[in-house]
Amino acid sequence: MPRLAPITGKADVPAEHHRVVDAVEKINWYAMRWKIETFHKILKSGCRAEDSRLRTAERLTNLIAIYCIVSWRIFWMTMLNRVDPDGNAQLAFTDSEIEALERLQPDKESWVLRPKTLSRYLMKLAKLGGYLARKNDPPPGNTVIWRGLTRLTGVVLGLRIGREVVGN
């Protein structure tokens, strides 16, 4: 097979190398497609971005910006749990959220001291969202994480208001 002449420019690299690099780049882009579609599903179904009744572009832009942050957090928490389940829960949860999850979903054996792992608290969050956590169930997905986070946000807000009113 005859060798191809190098492409001149920034570096003298054979043309066949560029074809391989370009192909790998396209494959990597395609691999991101699933993540992008999942993010949009959370944005559309979970946040219900299309149901908003805002009439000005500025208000709609602000709402979508907030929804993007929420959607990203849900997707990120779900993926982080799959990549690093033994990571510290504080990677994804605030101290207030951890406290609320401990109160809402107490461990069955409360006398056993367990590490505050990401998977443990994400499971508590998913259970708030309706996840059953049966033996053969797949890991919690974006939908139950979304539902759980919605409930958890309300509970954390209630705890903060309660502390301000009561003063504890």
N, C-alpha and C. Protein backbone atom coordinates (compact mmCIF):
# COMPACT_ATOMS: atom_id res chain seq x y z
N MET A 1 0.85 -1.16 0.00
CA MET A 1 0.00 0.00 0.00
C MET A 1 0.90 1.23 0.00
N PRO A 2 0.70 2.14 -0.95
CA PRO A 2 1.57 3.31 -1.01
C PRO A 2 1.26 4.26 0.14
N ARG A 3 2.31 4.86 0.63
CA ARG A 3 2.16 5.82 1.72
C ARG A 3 1.63 7.14 1.18
N LEU A 4 0.67 7.72 1.91
CA LEU A 4 0.07 8.99 1.50
C LEU A 4 0.99 10.14 1.87
N ALA A 5 0.96 11.16 1.06
CA ALA A 5 1.78 12.34 1.35
C ALA A 5 1.22 13.06 2.57
N PRO A 6 2.10 13.56 3.43
CA PRO A 6 1.61 14.25 4.62
C PRO A 6 0.88 15.55 4.25
N ILE A 7 -0.08 15.89 5.10
CA ILE A 7 -0.81 17.15 4.93
C ILE A 7 0.02 18.25 5.55
N THR A 8 0.20 19.29 4.82
CA THR A 8 1.00 20.39 5.36
C THR A 8 0.10 21.33 6.15
N GLY A 9 0.66 21.99 7.07
CA GLY A 9 -0.10 22.91 7.92
C GLY A 9 0.61 23.02 9.25
N LYS A 10 -0.14 22.86 10.33
CA LYS A 10 0.43 22.99 11.67
C LYS A 10 1.45 21.90 11.95
N ALA A 11 1.16 20.68 11.50
CA ALA A 11 2.07 19.57 11.74
C ALA A 11 2.08 18.67 10.51
N ASP A 12 3.18 18.04 10.28
CA ASP A 12 3.27 17.10 9.17
C ASP A 12 2.77 15.74 9.64
N VAL A 13 1.47 15.53 9.47
CA VAL A 13 0.82 14.30 9.90
C VAL A 13 0.22 13.65 8.66
N PRO A 14 0.42 12.34 8.50
CA PRO A 14 -0.16 11.68 7.32
C PRO A 14 -1.69 11.81 7.31
N ALA A 15 -2.27 11.86 6.11
CA ALA A 15 -3.71 12.04 5.94
C ALA A 15 -4.49 10.92 6.61
N GLU A 16 -3.97 9.68 6.55
CA GLU A 16 -4.70 8.57 7.16
C GLU A 16 -4.85 8.76 8.67
N HIS A 17 -3.87 9.41 9.29
CA HIS A 17 -3.95 9.69 10.73
C HIS A 17 -5.12 10.65 11.00
N HIS A 18 -5.26 11.65 10.15
CA HIS A 18 -6.35 12.61 10.31
C HIS A 18 -7.70 11.92 10.18
N ARG A 19 -7.80 10.95 9.30
CA ARG A 19 -9.05 10.23 9.12
C ARG A 19 -9.41 9.46 10.39
N VAL A 20 -8.43 8.82 11.02
CA VAL A 20 -8.66 8.07 12.25
C VAL A 20 -9.04 9.03 13.39
N VAL A 21 -8.32 10.12 13.50
CA VAL A 21 -8.61 11.11 14.54
C VAL A 21 -10.01 11.68 14.35
N ASP A 22 -10.35 11.99 13.11
CA ASP A 22 -11.68 12.52 12.82
C ASP A 22 -12.77 11.50 13.15
N ALA A 23 -12.51 10.23 12.83
CA ALA A 23 -13.49 9.19 13.11
C ALA A 23 -13.69 9.02 14.62
N VAL A 24 -12.60 9.03 15.36
CA VAL A 24 -12.69 8.91 16.82
C VAL A 24 -13.45 10.10 17.40
N GLU A 25 -13.20 11.28 16.87
CA GLU A 25 -13.90 12.48 17.33
C GLU A 25 -15.40 12.35 17.10
N LYS A 26 -15.80 11.87 15.94
CA LYS A 26 -17.22 11.70 15.62
C LYS A 26 -17.86 10.64 16.52
N ILE A 27 -17.14 9.57 16.81
CA ILE A 27 -17.65 8.53 17.70
C ILE A 27 -17.86 9.10 19.10
N ASN A 28 -16.91 9.90 19.57
CA ASN A 28 -17.06 10.53 20.88
C ASN A 28 -18.26 11.47 20.92
N TRP A 29 -18.48 12.21 19.85
CA TRP A 29 -19.65 13.08 19.77
C TRP A 29 -20.93 12.25 19.85
N TYR A 30 -20.96 11.15 19.10
CA TYR A 30 -22.14 10.30 19.08
C TYR A 30 -22.39 9.68 20.46
N ALA A 31 -21.32 9.34 21.16
CA ALA A 31 -21.45 8.77 22.50
C ALA A 31 -22.08 9.78 23.46
N MET A 32 -21.88 11.05 23.23
CA MET A 32 -22.47 12.10 24.07
C MET A 32 -23.96 12.29 23.77
N ARG A 33 -24.42 11.78 22.65
CA ARG A 33 -25.81 11.97 22.25
C ARG A 33 -26.77 11.45 23.30
N TRP A 34 -26.48 10.28 23.87
CA TRP A 34 -27.34 9.69 24.88
C TRP A 34 -27.44 10.61 26.10
N LYS A 35 -26.32 11.17 26.51
CA LYS A 35 -26.32 12.06 27.67
C LYS A 35 -27.13 13.33 27.38
N ILE A 36 -26.98 13.85 26.20
CA ILE A 36 -27.72 15.05 25.82
C ILE A 36 -29.21 14.77 25.78
N GLU A 37 -29.59 13.63 25.22
CA GLU A 37 -31.00 13.27 25.16
C GLU A 37 -31.58 13.05 26.56
N THR A 38 -30.82 12.43 27.44
CA THR A 38 -31.27 12.22 28.81
C THR A 38 -31.45 13.56 29.52
N PHE A 39 -30.50 14.47 29.35
CA PHE A 39 -30.61 15.81 29.94
C PHE A 39 -31.88 16.50 29.46
N HIS A 40 -32.15 16.43 28.16
CA HIS A 40 -33.35 17.07 27.62
C HIS A 40 -34.63 16.39 28.11
N LYS A 41 -34.58 15.08 28.31
CA LYS A 41 -35.75 14.38 28.85
C LYS A 41 -36.07 14.88 30.25
N ILE A 42 -35.03 15.05 31.07
CA ILE A 42 -35.23 15.58 32.42
C ILE A 42 -35.78 16.99 32.34
N LEU A 43 -35.21 17.79 31.47
CA LEU A 43 -35.64 19.18 31.31
C LEU A 43 -37.10 19.24 30.86
N LYS A 44 -37.47 18.39 29.91
CA LYS A 44 -38.81 18.43 29.34
C LYS A 44 -39.84 17.74 30.22
N SER A 45 -39.54 16.52 30.68
CA SER A 45 -40.51 15.74 31.44
C SER A 45 -40.50 16.07 32.93
N GLY A 46 -39.32 16.14 33.50
CA GLY A 46 -39.22 16.40 34.94
C GLY A 46 -39.56 17.84 35.29
N CYS A 47 -38.92 18.76 34.62
CA CYS A 47 -39.16 20.19 34.91
C CYS A 47 -40.43 20.70 34.25
N ARG A 48 -40.89 19.98 33.24
CA ARG A 48 -42.07 20.40 32.47
C ARG A 48 -41.87 21.81 31.92
N ALA A 49 -40.75 22.02 31.31
CA ALA A 49 -40.40 23.34 30.78
C ALA A 49 -41.43 23.82 29.75
N GLU A 50 -42.02 22.91 29.00
CA GLU A 50 -42.96 23.33 27.97
C GLU A 50 -44.31 23.77 28.54
N ASP A 51 -44.58 23.43 29.81
CA ASP A 51 -45.86 23.78 30.41
C ASP A 51 -45.89 25.19 31.02
N SER A 52 -44.77 25.86 31.01
CA SER A 52 -44.75 27.19 31.64
C SER A 52 -45.63 28.16 30.85
N ARG A 53 -46.21 29.08 31.55
CA ARG A 53 -47.13 30.04 30.94
C ARG A 53 -46.52 31.43 30.88
N LEU A 54 -45.22 31.50 30.90
CA LEU A 54 -44.55 32.80 30.86
C LEU A 54 -44.68 33.41 29.48
N ARG A 55 -44.88 34.72 29.44
CA ARG A 55 -45.17 35.37 28.17
C ARG A 55 -44.02 36.19 27.60
N THR A 56 -43.03 36.50 28.41
CA THR A 56 -41.92 37.29 27.86
C THR A 56 -40.70 36.40 27.69
N ALA A 57 -39.91 36.74 26.72
CA ALA A 57 -38.70 35.96 26.44
C ALA A 57 -37.73 36.01 27.61
N GLU A 58 -37.64 37.15 28.27
CA GLU A 58 -36.71 37.30 29.39
C GLU A 58 -37.09 36.37 30.54
N ARG A 59 -38.37 36.32 30.87
CA ARG A 59 -38.83 35.44 31.96
C ARG A 59 -38.64 33.97 31.59
N LEU A 60 -38.94 33.63 30.37
CA LEU A 60 -38.78 32.26 29.91
C LEU A 60 -37.30 31.86 29.92
N THR A 61 -36.44 32.77 29.51
CA THR A 61 -35.00 32.51 29.53
C THR A 61 -34.51 32.26 30.95
N ASN A 62 -34.96 33.06 31.91
CA ASN A 62 -34.57 32.88 33.30
C ASN A 62 -35.07 31.55 33.85
N LEU A 63 -36.31 31.20 33.52
CA LEU A 63 -36.87 29.93 33.98
C LEU A 63 -36.10 28.75 33.41
N ILE A 64 -35.81 28.79 32.13
CA ILE A 64 -35.07 27.70 31.49
C ILE A 64 -33.66 27.59 32.07
N ALA A 65 -33.04 28.72 32.41
CA ALA A 65 -31.71 28.70 33.03
C ALA A 65 -31.76 27.95 34.36
N ILE A 66 -32.77 28.22 35.16
CA ILE A 66 -32.92 27.52 36.45
C ILE A 66 -33.21 26.04 36.21
N TYR A 67 -34.10 25.76 35.27
CA TYR A 67 -34.41 24.36 34.95
C TYR A 67 -33.18 23.61 34.46
N CYS A 68 -32.32 24.26 33.72
CA CYS A 68 -31.09 23.62 33.24
C CYS A 68 -30.20 23.22 34.41
N ILE A 69 -30.11 24.09 35.41
CA ILE A 69 -29.30 23.77 36.59
C ILE A 69 -29.89 22.58 37.33
N VAL A 70 -31.20 22.59 37.52
CA VAL A 70 -31.87 21.48 38.21
C VAL A 70 -31.71 20.19 37.41
N SER A 71 -31.93 20.25 36.11
CA SER A 71 -31.80 19.07 35.26
C SER A 71 -30.39 18.52 35.28
N TRP A 72 -29.41 19.42 35.21
CA TRP A 72 -28.02 18.98 35.27
C TRP A 72 -27.74 18.29 36.60
N ARG A 73 -28.23 18.84 37.70
CA ARG A 73 -27.96 18.26 39.02
C ARG A 73 -28.55 16.85 39.12
N ILE A 74 -29.76 16.67 38.64
CA ILE A 74 -30.39 15.35 38.69
C ILE A 74 -29.60 14.35 37.85
N PHE A 75 -29.26 14.75 36.63
CA PHE A 75 -28.49 13.86 35.75
C PHE A 75 -27.12 13.56 36.35
N TRP A 76 -26.47 14.58 36.88
CA TRP A 76 -25.14 14.43 37.46
C TRP A 76 -25.17 13.50 38.67
N MET A 77 -26.17 13.67 39.55
CA MET A 77 -26.27 12.82 40.73
C MET A 77 -26.48 11.36 40.33
N THR A 78 -27.31 11.13 39.35
CA THR A 78 -27.58 9.78 38.88
C THR A 78 -26.31 9.14 38.32
N MET A 79 -25.59 9.87 37.49
CA MET A 79 -24.37 9.33 36.88
C MET A 79 -23.25 9.19 37.91
N LEU A 80 -23.14 10.15 38.81
CA LEU A 80 -22.10 10.08 39.84
C LEU A 80 -22.28 8.85 40.72
N ASN A 81 -23.51 8.52 41.02
CA ASN A 81 -23.78 7.32 41.82
C ASN A 81 -23.33 6.06 41.09
N ARG A 82 -23.44 6.05 39.79
CA ARG A 82 -23.02 4.87 39.02
C ARG A 82 -21.50 4.78 38.89
N VAL A 83 -20.84 5.94 38.90
CA VAL A 83 -19.38 5.96 38.73
C VAL A 83 -18.66 5.83 40.07
N ASP A 84 -19.16 6.51 41.10
CA ASP A 84 -18.47 6.54 42.40
C ASP A 84 -19.47 6.36 43.54
N PRO A 85 -20.07 5.18 43.68
CA PRO A 85 -21.09 4.99 44.72
C PRO A 85 -20.54 5.13 46.14
N ASP A 86 -19.25 4.89 46.33
CA ASP A 86 -18.67 4.98 47.66
C ASP A 86 -18.13 6.37 47.99
N GLY A 87 -18.37 7.32 47.09
CA GLY A 87 -17.93 8.69 47.33
C GLY A 87 -18.69 9.31 48.48
N ASN A 88 -18.17 10.40 48.98
CA ASN A 88 -18.78 11.10 50.10
C ASN A 88 -20.10 11.71 49.66
N ALA A 89 -21.11 11.61 50.50
CA ALA A 89 -22.44 12.16 50.18
C ALA A 89 -22.40 13.67 49.99
N GLN A 90 -21.44 14.33 50.61
CA GLN A 90 -21.34 15.78 50.49
C GLN A 90 -20.87 16.23 49.11
N LEU A 91 -20.51 15.29 48.26
CA LEU A 91 -20.23 15.63 46.86
C LEU A 91 -21.49 16.12 46.17
N ALA A 92 -22.65 15.57 46.55
CA ALA A 92 -23.90 15.86 45.85
C ALA A 92 -24.98 16.48 46.73
N PHE A 93 -24.83 16.38 48.05
CA PHE A 93 -25.88 16.86 48.95
C PHE A 93 -25.33 17.91 49.91
N THR A 94 -26.19 18.86 50.26
CA THR A 94 -25.82 19.84 51.29
C THR A 94 -26.01 19.18 52.66
N ASP A 95 -25.48 19.82 53.69
CA ASP A 95 -25.65 19.29 55.05
C ASP A 95 -27.13 19.24 55.43
N SER A 96 -27.89 20.25 55.03
CA SER A 96 -29.33 20.28 55.32
C SER A 96 -30.05 19.13 54.63
N GLU A 97 -29.67 18.82 53.40
CA GLU A 97 -30.29 17.71 52.68
C GLU A 97 -29.96 16.38 53.33
N ILE A 98 -28.71 16.22 53.76
CA ILE A 98 -28.31 14.97 54.43
C ILE A 98 -29.08 14.80 55.72
N GLU A 99 -29.20 15.87 56.49
CA GLU A 99 -29.96 15.80 57.75
C GLU A 99 -31.42 15.44 57.49
N ALA A 100 -32.02 16.06 56.50
CA ALA A 100 -33.42 15.77 56.17
C ALA A 100 -33.60 14.33 55.72
N LEU A 101 -32.68 13.82 54.89
CA LEU A 101 -32.77 12.43 54.43
C LEU A 101 -32.62 11.46 55.59
N GLU A 102 -31.76 11.79 56.55
CA GLU A 102 -31.60 10.92 57.72
C GLU A 102 -32.88 10.86 58.55
N ARG A 103 -33.59 11.99 58.62
CA ARG A 103 -34.84 12.01 59.39
C ARG A 103 -35.98 11.34 58.62
N LEU A 104 -36.04 11.56 57.32
CA LEU A 104 -37.14 11.01 56.51
C LEU A 104 -36.98 9.53 56.24
N GLN A 105 -35.76 9.08 56.04
CA GLN A 105 -35.48 7.69 55.71
C GLN A 105 -34.44 7.13 56.69
N PRO A 106 -34.83 6.93 57.95
CA PRO A 106 -33.85 6.42 58.92
C PRO A 106 -33.40 5.00 58.56
N ASP A 107 -32.16 4.70 58.90
CA ASP A 107 -31.64 3.36 58.65
C ASP A 107 -32.35 2.37 59.57
N LYS A 108 -32.55 1.14 59.08
CA LYS A 108 -33.24 0.12 59.87
C LYS A 108 -32.49 -0.19 61.15
N GLU A 109 -31.20 -0.24 61.03
CA GLU A 109 -30.35 -0.51 62.19
C GLU A 109 -29.63 0.78 62.55
N SER A 110 -30.32 1.65 63.28
CA SER A 110 -29.78 2.98 63.58
C SER A 110 -28.57 2.93 64.51
N TRP A 111 -28.38 1.84 65.22
CA TRP A 111 -27.26 1.73 66.14
C TRP A 111 -25.96 1.42 65.41
N VAL A 112 -26.04 0.97 64.15
CA VAL A 112 -24.84 0.68 63.37
C VAL A 112 -24.35 1.97 62.73
N LEU A 113 -23.09 2.29 62.96
CA LEU A 113 -22.50 3.49 62.39
C LEU A 113 -22.06 3.21 60.96
N ARG A 114 -22.71 3.85 59.99
CA ARG A 114 -22.40 3.62 58.58
C ARG A 114 -21.78 4.87 57.98
N PRO A 115 -20.88 4.69 57.02
CA PRO A 115 -20.29 5.87 56.37
C PRO A 115 -21.34 6.59 55.52
N LYS A 116 -21.17 7.89 55.40
CA LYS A 116 -22.10 8.71 54.61
C LYS A 116 -21.70 8.66 53.14
N THR A 117 -22.04 7.54 52.50
CA THR A 117 -21.67 7.37 51.10
C THR A 117 -22.74 7.96 50.19
N LEU A 118 -22.32 8.28 49.00
CA LEU A 118 -23.22 8.83 48.00
C LEU A 118 -24.35 7.86 47.69
N SER A 119 -24.04 6.58 47.51
CA SER A 119 -25.08 5.62 47.14
C SER A 119 -26.11 5.47 48.25
N ARG A 120 -25.70 5.54 49.48
CA ARG A 120 -26.63 5.40 50.60
C ARG A 120 -27.64 6.54 50.60
N TYR A 121 -27.18 7.76 50.41
CA TYR A 121 -28.08 8.91 50.45
C TYR A 121 -28.87 9.07 49.15
N LEU A 122 -28.29 8.66 48.04
CA LEU A 122 -29.04 8.70 46.79
C LEU A 122 -30.17 7.66 46.82
N MET A 123 -29.93 6.54 47.47
CA MET A 123 -30.98 5.53 47.63
C MET A 123 -32.11 6.09 48.50
N LYS A 124 -31.76 6.80 49.56
CA LYS A 124 -32.77 7.44 50.41
C LYS A 124 -33.58 8.44 49.60
N LEU A 125 -32.89 9.22 48.76
CA LEU A 125 -33.55 10.21 47.91
C LEU A 125 -34.48 9.52 46.92
N ALA A 126 -34.00 8.46 46.31
CA ALA A 126 -34.80 7.72 45.32
C ALA A 126 -36.04 7.11 45.97
N LYS A 127 -35.91 6.63 47.21
CA LYS A 127 -37.07 6.08 47.91
C LYS A 127 -38.11 7.17 48.15
N LEU A 128 -37.67 8.39 48.41
CA LEU A 128 -38.61 9.51 48.53
C LEU A 128 -39.38 9.70 47.22
N GLY A 129 -38.72 9.39 46.11
CA GLY A 129 -39.34 9.54 44.80
C GLY A 129 -40.11 8.32 44.32
N GLY A 130 -40.24 7.31 45.18
CA GLY A 130 -41.03 6.14 44.82
C GLY A 130 -40.23 4.90 44.44
N TYR A 131 -38.92 4.97 44.53
CA TYR A 131 -38.08 3.81 44.21
C TYR A 131 -38.30 2.74 45.28
N LEU A 132 -38.50 1.49 44.85
CA LEU A 132 -38.83 0.42 45.79
C LEU A 132 -37.59 -0.28 46.36
N ALA A 133 -36.48 -0.20 45.68
CA ALA A 133 -35.21 -0.79 46.14
C ALA A 133 -35.34 -2.28 46.41
N ARG A 134 -36.00 -2.99 45.51
CA ARG A 134 -36.09 -4.44 45.64
C ARG A 134 -34.77 -5.06 45.21
N LYS A 135 -34.59 -6.29 45.56
CA LYS A 135 -33.32 -6.99 45.33
C LYS A 135 -32.85 -6.92 43.88
N ASN A 136 -33.73 -7.13 42.92
CA ASN A 136 -33.32 -7.20 41.51
C ASN A 136 -33.61 -5.92 40.73
N ASP A 137 -33.98 -4.84 41.41
CA ASP A 137 -34.24 -3.58 40.71
C ASP A 137 -32.95 -2.97 40.19
N PRO A 138 -33.01 -2.31 39.03
CA PRO A 138 -31.82 -1.61 38.55
C PRO A 138 -31.54 -0.39 39.44
N PRO A 139 -30.39 0.23 39.28
CA PRO A 139 -30.10 1.41 40.10
C PRO A 139 -31.13 2.51 39.84
N PRO A 140 -31.33 3.40 40.81
CA PRO A 140 -32.33 4.46 40.63
C PRO A 140 -32.02 5.30 39.40
N GLY A 141 -33.07 5.66 38.69
CA GLY A 141 -32.91 6.48 37.49
C GLY A 141 -33.29 7.92 37.73
N ASN A 142 -33.27 8.68 36.65
CA ASN A 142 -33.50 10.11 36.73
C ASN A 142 -34.90 10.47 37.23
N THR A 143 -35.90 9.67 36.87
CA THR A 143 -37.28 9.99 37.25
C THR A 143 -37.48 9.94 38.76
N VAL A 144 -37.05 8.86 39.40
CA VAL A 144 -37.23 8.78 40.85
C VAL A 144 -36.32 9.76 41.58
N ILE A 145 -35.17 10.05 41.01
CA ILE A 145 -34.29 11.07 41.61
C ILE A 145 -34.98 12.43 41.52
N TRP A 146 -35.59 12.71 40.38
CA TRP A 146 -36.32 13.98 40.21
C TRP A 146 -37.45 14.11 41.24
N ARG A 147 -38.26 13.06 41.35
CA ARG A 147 -39.37 13.11 42.30
C ARG A 147 -38.87 13.25 43.74
N GLY A 148 -37.84 12.49 44.08
CA GLY A 148 -37.27 12.57 45.43
C GLY A 148 -36.69 13.93 45.73
N LEU A 149 -35.99 14.50 44.76
CA LEU A 149 -35.38 15.83 44.97
C LEU A 149 -36.46 16.90 45.12
N THR A 150 -37.56 16.76 44.41
CA THR A 150 -38.66 17.69 44.55
C THR A 150 -39.22 17.66 45.97
N ARG A 151 -39.44 16.47 46.48
CA ARG A 151 -39.94 16.34 47.86
C ARG A 151 -38.92 16.81 48.87
N LEU A 152 -37.65 16.44 48.66
CA LEU A 152 -36.59 16.81 49.59
C LEU A 152 -36.43 18.33 49.68
N THR A 153 -36.53 19.00 48.55
CA THR A 153 -36.41 20.46 48.54
C THR A 153 -37.49 21.09 49.41
N GLY A 154 -38.70 20.60 49.32
CA GLY A 154 -39.79 21.12 50.15
C GLY A 154 -39.55 20.86 51.63
N VAL A 155 -39.04 19.68 51.95
CA VAL A 155 -38.78 19.33 53.35
C VAL A 155 -37.65 20.21 53.91
N VAL A 156 -36.59 20.38 53.16
CA VAL A 156 -35.46 21.21 53.62
C VAL A 156 -35.93 22.65 53.84
N LEU A 157 -36.73 23.16 52.93
CA LEU A 157 -37.27 24.51 53.09
C LEU A 157 -38.14 24.59 54.35
N GLY A 158 -38.96 23.58 54.58
CA GLY A 158 -39.78 23.54 55.79
C GLY A 158 -38.94 23.50 57.05
N LEU A 159 -37.86 22.72 57.05
CA LEU A 159 -36.98 22.66 58.21
C LEU A 159 -36.33 24.03 58.48
N ARG A 160 -35.91 24.71 57.43
CA ARG A 160 -35.31 26.04 57.60
C ARG A 160 -36.31 27.04 58.17
N ILE A 161 -37.52 27.03 57.62
CA ILE A 161 -38.54 27.95 58.12
C ILE A 161 -38.88 27.61 59.57
N GLY A 162 -39.01 26.33 59.88
CA GLY A 162 -39.29 25.91 61.24
C GLY A 162 -38.23 26.36 62.22
N ARG A 163 -36.98 26.26 61.83
CA ARG A 163 -35.88 26.69 62.71
C ARG A 163 -35.92 28.20 62.95
N GLU A 164 -36.27 28.94 61.90
CA GLU A 164 -36.35 30.41 62.05
C GLU A 164 -37.51 30.80 62.96
N VAL A 165 -38.61 30.11 62.83
CA VAL A 165 -39.80 30.43 63.64
C VAL A 165 -39.60 30.01 65.09
N VAL A 166 -39.12 28.77 65.27
CA VAL A 166 -38.96 28.24 66.61
C VAL A 166 -37.67 28.75 67.25
N GLY A 167 -36.66 28.94 66.44
CA GLY A 167 -35.39 29.46 66.94
C GLY A 167 -34.39 28.40 67.34
N ASN A 168 -34.59 27.15 66.97
CA ASN A 168 -33.63 26.07 67.32
C ASN A 168 -32.72 25.80 66.17
